[in-house]
PDB file of N, CA and C in Angstrom:
ATOM      1  N   MET A   1       4.449 -13.284  -8.023  1.00  0.00           N
ATOM      2  CA  MET A   1       5.590 -12.716  -7.343  1.00  0.00           C
ATOM      3  C   MET A   1       6.888 -13.038  -8.085  1.00  0.00           C
ATOM      4  N   ARG A   2       6.944 -14.206  -8.740  1.00  0.00           N
ATOM      5  CA  ARG A   2       8.149 -14.542  -9.502  1.00  0.00           C
ATOM      6  C   ARG A   2       8.416 -13.524 -10.594  1.00  0.00           C
ATOM      7  N   THR A   3       7.340 -13.016 -11.195  1.00  0.00           N
ATOM      8  CA  THR A   3       7.494 -12.025 -12.246  1.00  0.00           C
ATOM      9  C   THR A   3       8.232 -10.804 -11.716  1.00  0.00           C
ATOM     10  N   LEU A   4       7.861 -10.370 -10.537  1.00  0.00           N
ATOM     11  CA  LEU A   4       8.532  -9.224  -9.930  1.00  0.00           C
ATOM     12  C   LEU A   4      10.016  -9.491  -9.790  1.00  0.00           C
ATOM     13  N   PHE A   5      10.370 -10.664  -9.324  1.00  0.00           N
ATOM     14  CA  PHE A   5      11.773 -10.944  -9.081  1.00  0.00           C
ATOM     15  C   PHE A   5      12.542 -11.159 -10.368  1.00  0.00           C
ATOM     16  N   ARG A   6      11.885 -11.647 -11.391  1.00  0.00           N
ATOM     17  CA  ARG A   6      12.553 -11.735 -12.693  1.00  0.00           C
ATOM     18  C   ARG A   6      12.850 -10.344 -13.210  1.00  0.00           C
ATOM     19  N   LEU A   7      11.856  -9.465 -13.112  1.00  0.00           N
ATOM     20  CA  LEU A   7      12.075  -8.094 -13.571  1.00  0.00           C
ATOM     21  C   LEU A   7      13.143  -7.420 -12.729  1.00  0.00           C
ATOM     22  N   LEU A   8      13.044  -7.604 -11.433  1.00  0.00           N
ATOM     23  CA  LEU A   8      14.038  -7.008 -10.551  1.00  0.00           C
ATOM     24  C   LEU A   8      15.427  -7.501 -10.905  1.00  0.00           C
ATOM     25  N   PHE A   9      15.557  -8.792 -11.122  1.00  0.00           N
ATOM     26  CA  PHE A   9      16.845  -9.380 -11.477  1.00  0.00           C
ATOM     27  C   PHE A   9      17.360  -8.791 -12.785  1.00  0.00           C
ATOM     28  N   LEU A  10      16.479  -8.712 -13.775  1.00  0.00           N
ATOM     29  CA  LEU A  10      16.886  -8.139 -15.058  1.00  0.00           C
ATOM     30  C   LEU A  10      17.220  -6.660 -14.910  1.00  0.00           C
ATOM     31  N   GLY A  11      16.424  -5.950 -14.129  1.00  0.00           N
ATOM     32  CA  GLY A  11      16.707  -4.541 -13.902  1.00  0.00           C
ATOM     33  C   GLY A  11      18.033  -4.337 -13.204  1.00  0.00           C
ATOM     34  N   LEU A  12      18.299  -5.176 -12.226  1.00  0.00           N
ATOM     35  CA  LEU A  12      19.572  -5.079 -11.525  1.00  0.00           C
ATOM     36  C   LEU A  12      20.727  -5.399 -12.449  1.00  0.00           C
ATOM     37  N   CYS A  13      20.495  -6.319 -13.375  1.00  0.00           N
ATOM     38  CA  CYS A  13      21.542  -6.641 -14.350  1.00  0.00           C
ATOM     39  C   CYS A  13      21.885  -5.414 -15.181  1.00  0.00           C
ATOM     40  N   LEU A  14      20.879  -4.601 -15.444  1.00  0.00           N
ATOM     41  CA  LEU A  14      21.108  -3.401 -16.231  1.00  0.00           C
ATOM     42  C   LEU A  14      21.680  -2.268 -15.387  1.00  0.00           C
ATOM     43  N   VAL A  15      21.429  -2.303 -14.086  1.00  0.00           N
ATOM     44  CA  VAL A  15      21.864  -1.228 -13.201  1.00  0.00           C
ATOM     45  C   VAL A  15      23.278  -1.451 -12.687  1.00  0.00           C
ATOM     46  N   ILE A  16      23.605  -2.682 -12.289  1.00  0.00           N
ATOM     47  CA  ILE A  16      24.933  -2.944 -11.731  1.00  0.00           C
ATOM     48  C   ILE A  16      25.812  -3.605 -12.770  1.00  0.00           C
ATOM     49  N   ASP A  17      27.086  -3.332 -12.710  1.00  0.00           N
ATOM     50  CA  ASP A  17      28.049  -3.921 -13.626  1.00  0.00           C
ATOM     51  C   ASP A  17      28.578  -5.186 -12.976  1.00  0.00           C
ATOM     52  N   SER A  18      28.064  -6.339 -13.449  1.00  0.00           N
ATOM     53  CA  SER A  18      28.380  -7.606 -12.808  1.00  0.00           C
ATOM     54  C   SER A  18      28.403  -8.702 -13.850  1.00  0.00           C
ATOM     55  N   ALA A  19      28.970  -9.822 -13.480  1.00  0.00           N
ATOM     56  CA  ALA A  19      28.974 -10.983 -14.373  1.00  0.00           C
ATOM     57  C   ALA A  19      27.575 -11.520 -14.590  1.00  0.00           C
ATOM     58  N   VAL A  20      26.633 -11.088 -13.770  1.00  0.00           N
ATOM     59  CA  VAL A  20      25.246 -11.508 -13.946  1.00  0.00           C
ATOM     60  C   VAL A  20      24.771 -11.132 -15.343  1.00  0.00           C
ATOM     61  N   GLN A  21      25.225  -9.986 -15.837  1.00  0.00           N
ATOM     62  CA  GLN A  21      24.802  -9.541 -17.157  1.00  0.00           C
ATOM     63  C   GLN A  21      25.114 -10.583 -18.220  1.00  0.00           C
ATOM     64  N   ALA A  22      26.254 -11.189 -18.132  1.00  0.00           N
ATOM     65  CA  ALA A  22      26.657 -12.160 -19.136  1.00  0.00           C
ATOM     66  C   ALA A  22      25.818 -13.421 -19.072  1.00  0.00           C
ATOM     67  N   GLN A  23      25.187 -13.684 -17.944  1.00  0.00           N
ATOM     68  CA  GLN A  23      24.395 -14.895 -17.788  1.00  0.00           C
ATOM     69  C   GLN A  23      22.977 -14.731 -18.308  1.00  0.00           C
ATOM     70  N   MET A  24      22.531 -13.513 -18.502  1.00  0.00           N
ATOM     71  CA  MET A  24      21.166 -13.273 -18.939  1.00  0.00           C
ATOM     72  C   MET A  24      21.144 -13.018 -20.443  1.00  0.00           C
ATOM     73  N   PRO A  25      20.403 -13.827 -21.183  1.00  0.00           N
ATOM     74  CA  PRO A  25      20.359 -13.672 -22.631  1.00  0.00           C
ATOM     75  C   PRO A  25      19.471 -12.516 -23.060  1.00  0.00           C
ATOM     76  N   LEU A  26      19.968 -11.303 -22.921  1.00  0.00           N
ATOM     77  CA  LEU A  26      19.217 -10.137 -23.348  1.00  0.00           C
ATOM     78  C   LEU A  26      19.572  -9.832 -24.793  1.00  0.00           C
ATOM     79  N   GLY A  27      18.591  -9.820 -25.639  1.00  0.00           N
ATOM     80  CA  GLY A  27      18.882  -9.517 -27.018  1.00  0.00           C
ATOM     81  C   GLY A  27      17.629  -9.177 -27.791  1.00  0.00           C
ATOM     82  N   GLY A  28      17.822  -8.481 -28.896  1.00  0.00           N
ATOM     83  CA  GLY A  28      16.745  -8.197 -29.817  1.00  0.00           C
ATOM     84  C   GLY A  28      15.576  -7.472 -29.195  1.00  0.00           C
ATOM     85  N   GLN A  29      14.387  -7.882 -29.620  1.00  0.00           N
ATOM     86  CA  GLN A  29      13.150  -7.238 -29.203  1.00  0.00           C
ATOM     87  C   GLN A  29      12.937  -7.314 -27.698  1.00  0.00           C
ATOM     88  N   ASN A  30      13.258  -8.451 -27.078  1.00  0.00           N
ATOM     89  CA  ASN A  30      13.046  -8.581 -25.638  1.00  0.00           C
ATOM     90  C   ASN A  30      13.849  -7.555 -24.857  1.00  0.00           C
ATOM     91  N   GLN A  31      15.097  -7.346 -25.243  1.00  0.00           N
ATOM     92  CA  GLN A  31      15.922  -6.362 -24.545  1.00  0.00           C
ATOM     93  C   GLN A  31      15.310  -4.973 -24.691  1.00  0.00           C
ATOM     94  N   THR A  32      14.871  -4.654 -25.875  1.00  0.00           N
ATOM     95  CA  THR A  32      14.255  -3.354 -26.122  1.00  0.00           C
ATOM     96  C   THR A  32      13.023  -3.166 -25.255  1.00  0.00           C
ATOM     97  N   GLU A  33      12.197  -4.212 -25.157  1.00  0.00           N
ATOM     98  CA  GLU A  33      10.978  -4.120 -24.364  1.00  0.00           C
ATOM     99  C   GLU A  33      11.282  -3.984 -22.877  1.00  0.00           C
ATOM    100  N   VAL A  34      12.282  -4.713 -22.385  1.00  0.00           N
ATOM    101  CA  VAL A  34      12.645  -4.599 -20.972  1.00  0.00           C
ATOM    102  C   VAL A  34      13.190  -3.207 -20.680  1.00  0.00           C
ATOM    103  N   LEU A  35      14.048  -2.696 -21.552  1.00  0.00           N
ATOM    104  CA  LEU A  35      14.584  -1.348 -21.353  1.00  0.00           C
ATOM    105  C   LEU A  35      13.464  -0.314 -21.359  1.00  0.00           C
ATOM    106  N   LYS A  36      12.508  -0.469 -22.262  1.00  0.00           N
ATOM    107  CA  LYS A  36      11.369   0.443 -22.322  1.00  0.00           C
ATOM    108  C   LYS A  36      10.568   0.360 -21.028  1.00  0.00           C
ATOM    109  N   PHE A  37      10.327  -0.873 -20.576  1.00  0.00           N
ATOM    110  CA  PHE A  37       9.581  -1.082 -19.337  1.00  0.00           C
ATOM    111  C   PHE A  37      10.278  -0.385 -18.171  1.00  0.00           C
ATOM    112  N   LEU A  38      11.589  -0.594 -18.055  1.00  0.00           N
ATOM    113  CA  LEU A  38      12.342   0.019 -16.959  1.00  0.00           C
ATOM    114  C   LEU A  38      12.359   1.541 -17.070  1.00  0.00           C
ATOM    115  N   ASN A  39      12.462   2.058 -18.288  1.00  0.00           N
ATOM    116  CA  ASN A  39      12.474   3.507 -18.481  1.00  0.00           C
ATOM    117  C   ASN A  39      11.139   4.148 -18.130  1.00  0.00           C
ATOM    118  N   GLU A  40      10.063   3.351 -18.177  1.00  0.00           N
ATOM    119  CA  GLU A  40       8.738   3.869 -17.846  1.00  0.00           C
ATOM    120  C   GLU A  40       8.476   3.895 -16.344  1.00  0.00           C
ATOM    121  N   LEU A  41       9.356   3.280 -15.572  1.00  0.00           N
ATOM    122  CA  LEU A  41       9.172   3.288 -14.122  1.00  0.00           C
ATOM    123  C   LEU A  41       9.410   4.694 -13.584  1.00  0.00           C
ATOM    124  N   PRO A  42       8.678   5.053 -12.538  1.00  0.00           N
ATOM    125  CA  PRO A  42       8.914   6.368 -11.930  1.00  0.00           C
ATOM    126  C   PRO A  42      10.350   6.471 -11.414  1.00  0.00           C
ATOM    127  N   PRO A  43      10.912   7.669 -11.423  1.00  0.00           N
ATOM    128  CA  PRO A  43      12.297   7.846 -10.964  1.00  0.00           C
ATOM    129  C   PRO A  43      12.535   7.312  -9.551  1.00  0.00           C
ATOM    130  N   GLU A  44      11.550   7.481  -8.666  1.00  0.00           N
ATOM    131  CA  GLU A  44      11.743   6.994  -7.295  1.00  0.00           C
ATOM    132  C   GLU A  44      11.820   5.467  -7.248  1.00  0.00           C
ATOM    133  N   THR A  45      11.123   4.796  -8.158  1.00  0.00           N
ATOM    134  CA  THR A  45      11.205   3.334  -8.211  1.00  0.00           C
ATOM    135  C   THR A  45      12.569   2.907  -8.727  1.00  0.00           C
ATOM    136  N   MET A  46      13.069   3.589  -9.744  1.00  0.00           N
ATOM    137  CA  MET A  46      14.402   3.258 -10.252  1.00  0.00           C
ATOM    138  C   MET A  46      15.465   3.519  -9.187  1.00  0.00           C
ATOM    139  N   GLN A  47      15.271   4.537  -8.372  1.00  0.00           N
ATOM    140  CA  GLN A  47      16.207   4.792  -7.274  1.00  0.00           C
ATOM    141  C   GLN A  47      16.204   3.623  -6.294  1.00  0.00           C
ATOM    142  N   LYS A  48      15.035   3.051  -6.067  1.00  0.00           N
ATOM    143  CA  LYS A  48      14.939   1.901  -5.159  1.00  0.00           C
ATOM    144  C   LYS A  48      15.580   0.671  -5.782  1.00  0.00           C
ATOM    145  N   VAL A  49      15.405   0.492  -7.086  1.00  0.00           N
ATOM    146  CA  VAL A  49      16.064  -0.618  -7.781  1.00  0.00           C
ATOM    147  C   VAL A  49      17.579  -0.446  -7.677  1.00  0.00           C
ATOM    148  N   GLU A  50      18.051   0.775  -7.870  1.00  0.00           N
ATOM    149  CA  GLU A  50      19.488   1.043  -7.760  1.00  0.00           C
ATOM    150  C   GLU A  50      19.992   0.800  -6.340  1.00  0.00           C
ATOM    151  N   ALA A  51      19.212   1.210  -5.330  1.00  0.00           N
ATOM    152  CA  ALA A  51      19.610   0.985  -3.936  1.00  0.00           C
ATOM    153  C   ALA A  51      19.696  -0.509  -3.645  1.00  0.00           C
ATOM    154  N   LEU A  52      18.731  -1.254  -4.142  1.00  0.00           N
ATOM    155  CA  LEU A  52      18.760  -2.704  -3.959  1.00  0.00           C
ATOM    156  C   LEU A  52      19.933  -3.309  -4.717  1.00  0.00           C
ATOM    157  N   GLY A  53      20.212  -2.769  -5.891  1.00  0.00           N
ATOM    158  CA  GLY A  53      21.366  -3.224  -6.664  1.00  0.00           C
ATOM    159  C   GLY A  53      22.667  -3.017  -5.906  1.00  0.00           C
ATOM    160  N   LYS A  54      22.763  -1.893  -5.199  1.00  0.00           N
ATOM    161  CA  LYS A  54      23.967  -1.619  -4.405  1.00  0.00           C
ATOM    162  C   LYS A  54      24.105  -2.611  -3.255  1.00  0.00           C
ATOM    163  N   ILE A  55      22.981  -2.972  -2.641  1.00  0.00           N
ATOM    164  CA  ILE A  55      23.010  -3.975  -1.570  1.00  0.00           C
ATOM    165  C   ILE A  55      23.506  -5.301  -2.125  1.00  0.00           C
ATOM    166  N   LEU A  56      22.963  -5.692  -3.271  1.00  0.00           N
ATOM    167  CA  LEU A  56      23.384  -6.954  -3.890  1.00  0.00           C
ATOM    168  C   LEU A  56      24.847  -6.894  -4.299  1.00  0.00           C
ATOM    169  N   GLN A  57      25.242  -5.774  -4.882  1.00  0.00           N
ATOM    170  CA  GLN A  57      26.626  -5.622  -5.323  1.00  0.00           C
ATOM    171  C   GLN A  57      27.586  -5.719  -4.138  1.00  0.00           C
ATOM    172  N   GLN A  58      27.234  -5.105  -3.024  1.00  0.00           N
ATOM    173  CA  GLN A  58      28.073  -5.164  -1.828  1.00  0.00           C
ATOM    174  C   GLN A  58      28.189  -6.602  -1.324  1.00  0.00           C
ATOM    175  N   ASN A  59      27.080  -7.331  -1.325  1.00  0.00           N
ATOM    176  CA  ASN A  59      27.107  -8.720  -0.877  1.00  0.00           C
ATOM    177  C   ASN A  59      27.896  -9.598  -1.835  1.00  0.00           C
ATOM    178  N   LEU A  60      27.861  -9.270  -3.117  1.00  0.00           N
ATOM    179  CA  LEU A  60      28.685  -9.994  -4.089  1.00  0.00           C
ATOM    180  C   LEU A  60      30.163  -9.749  -3.805  1.00  0.00           C
ATOM    181  N   LYS A  61      30.514  -8.491  -3.562  1.00  0.00           N
ATOM    182  CA  LYS A  61      31.912  -8.138  -3.281  1.00  0.00           C
ATOM    183  C   LYS A  61      32.420  -8.811  -2.015  1.00  0.00           C
ATOM    184  N   GLU A  62      31.546  -8.908  -1.012  1.00  0.00           N
ATOM    185  CA  GLU A  62      31.936  -9.501   0.267  1.00  0.00           C
ATOM    186  C   GLU A  62      31.905 -11.025   0.245  1.00  0.00           C
ATOM    187  N   GLY A  63      31.453 -11.605  -0.860  1.00  0.00           N
ATOM    188  CA  GLY A  63      31.407 -13.056  -0.977  1.00  0.00           C
ATOM    189  C   GLY A  63      30.237 -13.707  -0.258  1.00  0.00           C
ATOM    190  N   LYS A  64      29.278 -12.904   0.193  1.00  0.00           N
ATOM    191  CA  LYS A  64      28.097 -13.445   0.865  1.00  0.00           C
ATOM    192  C   LYS A  64      27.087 -13.995  -0.137  1.00  0.00           C
ATOM    193  N   LEU A  65      27.285 -13.666  -1.388  1.00  0.00           N
ATOM    194  CA  LEU A  65      26.373 -14.027  -2.454  1.00  0.00           C
ATOM    195  C   LEU A  65      27.172 -14.153  -3.739  1.00  0.00           C
ATOM    196  N   THR A  66      26.790 -15.096  -4.584  1.00  0.00           N
ATOM    197  CA  THR A  66      27.439 -15.232  -5.887  1.00  0.00           C
ATOM    198  C   THR A  66      26.401 -15.040  -6.982  1.00  0.00           C
ATOM    199  N   ASP A  67      26.870 -14.772  -8.182  1.00  0.00           N
ATOM    200  CA  ASP A  67      25.971 -14.650  -9.328  1.00  0.00           C
ATOM    201  C   ASP A  67      25.199 -15.947  -9.526  1.00  0.00           C
ATOM    202  N   ALA A  68      25.893 -17.066  -9.379  1.00  0.00           N
ATOM    203  CA  ALA A  68      25.252 -18.373  -9.556  1.00  0.00           C
ATOM    204  C   ALA A  68      24.154 -18.582  -8.515  1.00  0.00           C
ATOM    205  N   GLN A  69      24.406 -18.175  -7.275  1.00  0.00           N
ATOM    206  CA  GLN A  69      23.386 -18.303  -6.231  1.00  0.00           C
ATOM    207  C   GLN A  69      22.164 -17.453  -6.558  1.00  0.00           C
ATOM    208  N   MET A  70      22.396 -16.235  -7.036  1.00  0.00           N
ATOM    209  CA  MET A  70      21.271 -15.368  -7.388  1.00  0.00           C
ATOM    210  C   MET A  70      20.429 -16.004  -8.479  1.00  0.00           C
ATOM    211  N   HIS A  71      21.076 -16.518  -9.497  1.00  0.00           N
ATOM    212  CA  HIS A  71      20.342 -17.135 -10.595  1.00  0.00           C
ATOM    213  C   HIS A  71      19.595 -18.372 -10.109  1.00  0.00           C
ATOM    214  N   GLU A  72      20.252 -19.170  -9.288  1.00  0.00           N
ATOM    215  CA  GLU A  72      19.640 -20.384  -8.741  1.00  0.00           C
ATOM    216  C   GLU A  72      18.411 -20.038  -7.894  1.00  0.00           C
ATOM    217  N   GLU A  73      18.558 -19.056  -7.027  1.00  0.00           N
ATOM    218  CA  GLU A  73      17.447 -18.633  -6.172  1.00  0.00           C
ATOM    219  C   GLU A  73      16.302 -18.071  -7.006  1.00  0.00           C
ATOM    220  N   LEU A  74      16.630 -17.345  -8.052  1.00  0.00           N
ATOM    221  CA  LEU A  74      15.610 -16.814  -8.946  1.00  0.00           C
ATOM    222  C   LEU A  74      14.821 -17.941  -9.583  1.00  0.00           C
ATOM    223  N   MET A  75      15.530 -18.922 -10.116  1.00  0.00           N
ATOM    224  CA  MET A  75      14.875 -20.023 -10.814  1.00  0.00           C
ATOM    225  C   MET A  75      14.053 -20.896  -9.860  1.00  0.00           C
ATOM    226  N   SER A  76      14.470 -20.987  -8.604  1.00  0.00           N
ATOM    227  CA  SER A  76      13.743 -21.811  -7.638  1.00  0.00           C
ATOM    228  C   SER A  76      12.591 -21.052  -6.976  1.00  0.00           C
ATOM    229  N   GLY A  77      12.515 -19.754  -7.210  1.00  0.00           N
ATOM    230  CA  GLY A  77      11.456 -18.957  -6.613  1.00  0.00           C
ATOM    231  C   GLY A  77      11.774 -18.469  -5.215  1.00  0.00           C
ATOM    232  N   ASN A  78      13.017 -18.580  -4.794  1.00  0.00           N
ATOM    233  CA  ASN A  78      13.411 -18.192  -3.442  1.00  0.00           C
ATOM    234  C   ASN A  78      14.230 -16.906  -3.384  1.00  0.00           C
ATOM    235  N   LEU A  79      14.319 -16.188  -4.480  1.00  0.00           N
ATOM    236  CA  LEU A  79      15.146 -14.982  -4.507  1.00  0.00           C
ATOM    237  C   LEU A  79      14.652 -13.943  -3.500  1.00  0.00           C
ATOM    238  N   ASP A  80      13.348 -13.839  -3.349  1.00  0.00           N
ATOM    239  CA  ASP A  80      12.765 -12.910  -2.388  1.00  0.00           C
ATOM    240  C   ASP A  80      13.342 -13.136  -0.994  1.00  0.00           C
ATOM    241  N   GLN A  81      13.296 -14.368  -0.523  1.00  0.00           N
ATOM    242  CA  GLN A  81      13.800 -14.695   0.815  1.00  0.00           C
ATOM    243  C   GLN A  81      15.292 -14.419   0.919  1.00  0.00           C
ATOM    244  N   LYS A  82      16.024 -14.790  -0.105  1.00  0.00           N
ATOM    245  CA  LYS A  82      17.475 -14.598  -0.097  1.00  0.00           C
ATOM    246  C   LYS A  82      17.821 -13.114   0.014  1.00  0.00           C
ATOM    247  N   ILE A  83      17.175 -12.297  -0.807  1.00  0.00           N
ATOM    248  CA  ILE A  83      17.455 -10.861  -0.812  1.00  0.00           C
ATOM    249  C   ILE A  83      17.059 -10.230   0.516  1.00  0.00           C
ATOM    250  N   ARG A  84      15.903 -10.609   1.042  1.00  0.00           N
ATOM    251  CA  ARG A  84      15.444 -10.053   2.318  1.00  0.00           C
ATOM    252  C   ARG A  84      16.400 -10.387   3.459  1.00  0.00           C
ATOM    253  N   GLY A  85      17.072 -11.528   3.363  1.00  0.00           N
ATOM    254  CA  GLY A  85      17.998 -11.937   4.403  1.00  0.00           C
ATOM    255  C   GLY A  85      19.356 -11.254   4.335  1.00  0.00           C
ATOM    256  N   LEU A  86      19.630 -10.552   3.264  1.00  0.00           N
ATOM    257  CA  LEU A  86      20.937  -9.919   3.089  1.00  0.00           C
ATOM    258  C   LEU A  86      21.114  -8.648   3.903  1.00  0.00           C
ATOM    259  N   ASN A  87      20.040  -7.888   4.043  1.00  0.00           N
ATOM    260  CA  ASN A  87      20.150  -6.560   4.629  1.00  0.00           C
ATOM    261  C   ASN A  87      18.762  -6.140   5.106  1.00  0.00           C
ATOM    262  N   PRO A  88      18.646  -5.520   6.276  1.00  0.00           N
ATOM    263  CA  PRO A  88      17.327  -5.106   6.768  1.00  0.00           C
ATOM    264  C   PRO A  88      16.618  -4.102   5.853  1.00  0.00           C
ATOM    265  N   GLU A  89      17.364  -3.376   5.052  1.00  0.00           N
ATOM    266  CA  GLU A  89      16.755  -2.407   4.133  1.00  0.00           C
ATOM    267  C   GLU A  89      16.177  -3.077   2.888  1.00  0.00           C
ATOM    268  N   ALA A  90      16.599  -4.291   2.597  1.00  0.00           N
ATOM    269  CA  ALA A  90      16.200  -4.957   1.358  1.00  0.00           C
ATOM    270  C   ALA A  90      14.705  -5.258   1.309  1.00  0.00           C
ATOM    271  N   GLY A  91      14.126  -5.706   2.411  1.00  0.00           N
ATOM    272  CA  GLY A  91      12.704  -6.055   2.431  1.00  0.00           C
ATOM    273  C   GLY A  91      11.798  -4.901   2.050  1.00  0.00           C
ATOM    274  N   PRO A  92      11.935  -3.749   2.727  1.00  0.00           N
ATOM    275  CA  PRO A  92      11.097  -2.610   2.353  1.00  0.00           C
ATOM    276  C   PRO A  92      11.322  -2.152   0.906  1.00  0.00           C
ATOM    277  N   LEU A  93      12.562  -2.228   0.430  1.00  0.00           N
ATOM    278  CA  LEU A  93      12.825  -1.862  -0.968  1.00  0.00           C
ATOM    279  C   LEU A  93      12.083  -2.807  -1.908  1.00  0.00           C
ATOM    280  N   LEU A  94      12.157  -4.108  -1.633  1.00  0.00           N
ATOM    281  CA  LEU A  94      11.446  -5.087  -2.460  1.00  0.00           C
ATOM    282  C   LEU A  94       9.944  -4.825  -2.445  1.00  0.00           C
ATOM    283  N   ASP A  95       9.403  -4.539  -1.270  1.00  0.00           N
ATOM    284  CA  ASP A  95       7.967  -4.275  -1.163  1.00  0.00           C
ATOM    285  C   ASP A  95       7.567  -3.058  -1.991  1.00  0.00           C
ATOM    286  N   ASP A  96       8.350  -1.987  -1.887  1.00  0.00           N
ATOM    287  CA  ASP A  96       8.048  -0.768  -2.640  1.00  0.00           C
ATOM    288  C   ASP A  96       8.166  -0.995  -4.145  1.00  0.00           C
ATOM    289  N   ILE A  97       9.194  -1.715  -4.558  1.00  0.00           N
ATOM    290  CA  ILE A  97       9.380  -2.006  -5.983  1.00  0.00           C
ATOM    291  C   ILE A  97       8.235  -2.875  -6.485  1.00  0.00           C
ATOM    292  N   GLY A  98       7.856  -3.861  -5.698  1.00  0.00           N
ATOM    293  CA  GLY A  98       6.749  -4.744  -6.075  1.00  0.00           C
ATOM    294  C   GLY A  98       5.452  -3.983  -6.260  1.00  0.00           C
ATOM    295  N   GLN A  99       5.182  -3.053  -5.362  1.00  0.00           N
ATOM    296  CA  GLN A  99       3.971  -2.245  -5.479  1.00  0.00           C
ATOM    297  C   GLN A  99       4.014  -1.390  -6.740  1.00  0.00           C
ATOM    298  N   ALA A 100       5.160  -0.815  -7.040  1.00  0.00           N
ATOM    299  CA  ALA A 100       5.296   0.004  -8.246  1.00  0.00           C
ATOM    300  C   ALA A 100       5.094  -0.839  -9.502  1.00  0.00           C
ATOM    301  N   MET A 101       5.576  -2.080  -9.481  1.00  0.00           N
ATOM    302  CA  MET A 101       5.417  -2.957 -10.639  1.00  0.00           C
ATOM    303  C   MET A 101       3.946  -3.285 -10.873  1.00  0.00           C
ATOM    304  N   LYS A 102       3.197  -3.460  -9.794  1.00  0.00           N
ATOM    305  CA  LYS A 102       1.764  -3.761  -9.926  1.00  0.00           C
ATOM    306  C   LYS A 102       1.028  -2.616 -10.603  1.00  0.00           C
ATOM    307  N   ASN A 103       1.498  -1.403 -10.383  1.00  0.00           N
ATOM    308  CA  ASN A 103       0.834  -0.223 -10.934  1.00  0.00           C
ATOM    309  C   ASN A 103       1.355   0.181 -12.307  1.00  0.00           C
ATOM    310  N   HIS A 104       2.311  -0.561 -12.845  1.00  0.00           N
ATOM    311  CA  HIS A 104       2.882  -0.223 -14.153  1.00  0.00           C
ATOM    312  C   HIS A 104       1.828  -0.438 -15.237  1.00  0.00           C
ATOM    313  N   PRO A 105       1.698   0.489 -16.187  1.00  0.00           N
ATOM    314  CA  PRO A 105       0.658   0.372 -17.214  1.00  0.00           C
ATOM    315  C   PRO A 105       0.795  -0.864 -18.109  1.00  0.00           C
ATOM    316  N   ASN A 106       1.986  -1.401 -18.274  1.00  0.00           N
ATOM    317  CA  ASN A 106       2.175  -2.573 -19.132  1.00  0.00           C
ATOM    318  C   ASN A 106       2.480  -3.832 -18.340  1.00  0.00           C
ATOM    319  N   ALA A 107       2.110  -3.854 -17.081  1.00  0.00           N
ATOM    320  CA  ALA A 107       2.436  -4.989 -16.210  1.00  0.00           C
ATOM    321  C   ALA A 107       1.862  -6.302 -16.724  1.00  0.00           C
ATOM    322  N   GLU A 108       0.717  -6.259 -17.397  1.00  0.00           N
ATOM    323  CA  GLU A 108       0.101  -7.500 -17.877  1.00  0.00           C
ATOM    324  C   GLU A 108       0.928  -8.173 -18.972  1.00  0.00           C
ATOM    325  N   ASN A 109       1.772  -7.437 -19.674  1.00  0.00           N
ATOM    326  CA  ASN A 109       2.613  -8.009 -20.729  1.00  0.00           C
ATOM    327  C   ASN A 109       3.939  -8.552 -20.205  1.00  0.00           C
ATOM    328  N   LEU A 110       4.274  -8.215 -18.989  1.00  0.00           N
ATOM    329  CA  LEU A 110       5.581  -8.555 -18.450  1.00  0.00           C
ATOM    330  C   LEU A 110       5.838 -10.053 -18.304  1.00  0.00           C
ATOM    331  N   PRO A 111       4.901 -10.865 -17.792  1.00  0.00           N
ATOM    332  CA  PRO A 111       5.215 -12.291 -17.620  1.00  0.00           C
ATOM    333  C   PRO A 111       5.661 -12.985 -18.904  1.00  0.00           C
ATOM    334  N   ASN A 112       4.968 -12.760 -20.001  1.00  0.00           N
ATOM    335  CA  ASN A 112       5.356 -13.399 -21.264  1.00  0.00           C
ATOM    336  C   ASN A 112       6.719 -12.926 -21.731  1.00  0.00           C
ATOM    337  N   LEU A 113       6.977 -11.655 -21.604  1.00  0.00           N
ATOM    338  CA  LEU A 113       8.267 -11.088 -21.986  1.00  0.00           C
ATOM    339  C   LEU A 113       9.388 -11.716 -21.172  1.00  0.00           C
ATOM    340  N   LEU A 114       9.209 -11.778 -19.861  1.00  0.00           N
ATOM    341  CA  LEU A 114      10.252 -12.311 -18.994  1.00  0.00           C
ATOM    342  C   LEU A 114      10.426 -13.809 -19.162  1.00  0.00           C
ATOM    343  N   ASN A 115       9.331 -14.536 -19.341  1.00  0.00           N
ATOM    344  CA  ASN A 115       9.459 -15.975 -19.564  1.00  0.00           C
ATOM    345  C   ASN A 115      10.256 -16.249 -20.828  1.00  0.00           C
ATOM    346  N   GLY A 116      10.049 -15.461 -21.856  1.00  0.00           N
ATOM    347  CA  GLY A 116      10.821 -15.626 -23.082  1.00  0.00           C
ATOM    348  C   GLY A 116      12.285 -15.327 -22.878  1.00  0.00           C
ATOM    349  N   MET A 117      12.578 -14.314 -22.083  1.00  0.00           N
ATOM    350  CA  MET A 117      13.967 -13.946 -21.827  1.00  0.00           C
ATOM    351  C   MET A 117      14.669 -14.971 -20.954  1.00  0.00           C
ATOM    352  N   MET A 118      13.917 -15.539 -20.008  1.00  0.00           N
ATOM    353  CA  MET A 118      14.511 -16.495 -19.082  1.00  0.00           C
ATOM    354  C   MET A 118      14.590 -17.883 -19.694  1.00  0.00           C
ATOM    355  N   GLY A 119      13.855 -18.102 -20.784  1.00  0.00           N
ATOM    356  CA  GLY A 119      13.878 -19.415 -21.415  1.00  0.00           C
ATOM    357  C   GLY A 119      13.134 -20.458 -20.612  1.00  0.00           C
ATOM    358  N   THR A 120      12.132 -20.022 -19.821  1.00  0.00           N
ATOM    359  CA  THR A 120      11.351 -20.953 -19.023  1.00  0.00           C
ATOM    360  C   THR A 120       9.886 -20.749 -19.304  1.00  0.00           C
ATOM    361  N   GLY A 121       9.116 -21.722 -18.955  1.00  0.00           N
ATOM    362  CA  GLY A 121       7.674 -21.614 -19.101  1.00  0.00           C
ATOM    363  C   GLY A 121       6.990 -21.390 -17.784  1.00  0.00           C
ATOM    364  N   GLN A 122       7.704 -20.952 -16.760  1.00  0.00           N
ATOM    365  CA  GLN A 122       7.124 -20.769 -15.432  1.00  0.00           C
ATOM    366  C   GLN A 122       6.168 -19.612 -15.419  1.00  0.00           C
TER     367      GLN A 122
END
């Protein structure tokens, strides 16, 4: 499940214009692979990622959430709970995105890619 939230976090970084982008070391081959992965998602899944991004962006604007909190929750494995608590629409969006990620043709390569980008061995 952490893999899903890492991808979601990275995808949201690419979808919303936020200081979160500056905190994520996207570069070189890893960035290319993540962009390719996201581009391969069905349009309806990307729409859900964008909708979730808007929820997060709104909570950032309202001060209910900070970039640092998002990163902290991601690293602790609690991002799922945090996001679900922000808005009643967030849970179903996360569930739908998670299901789409499971069905992605390159899903088996994602954990190594994301661990390298995050700089962790989790």
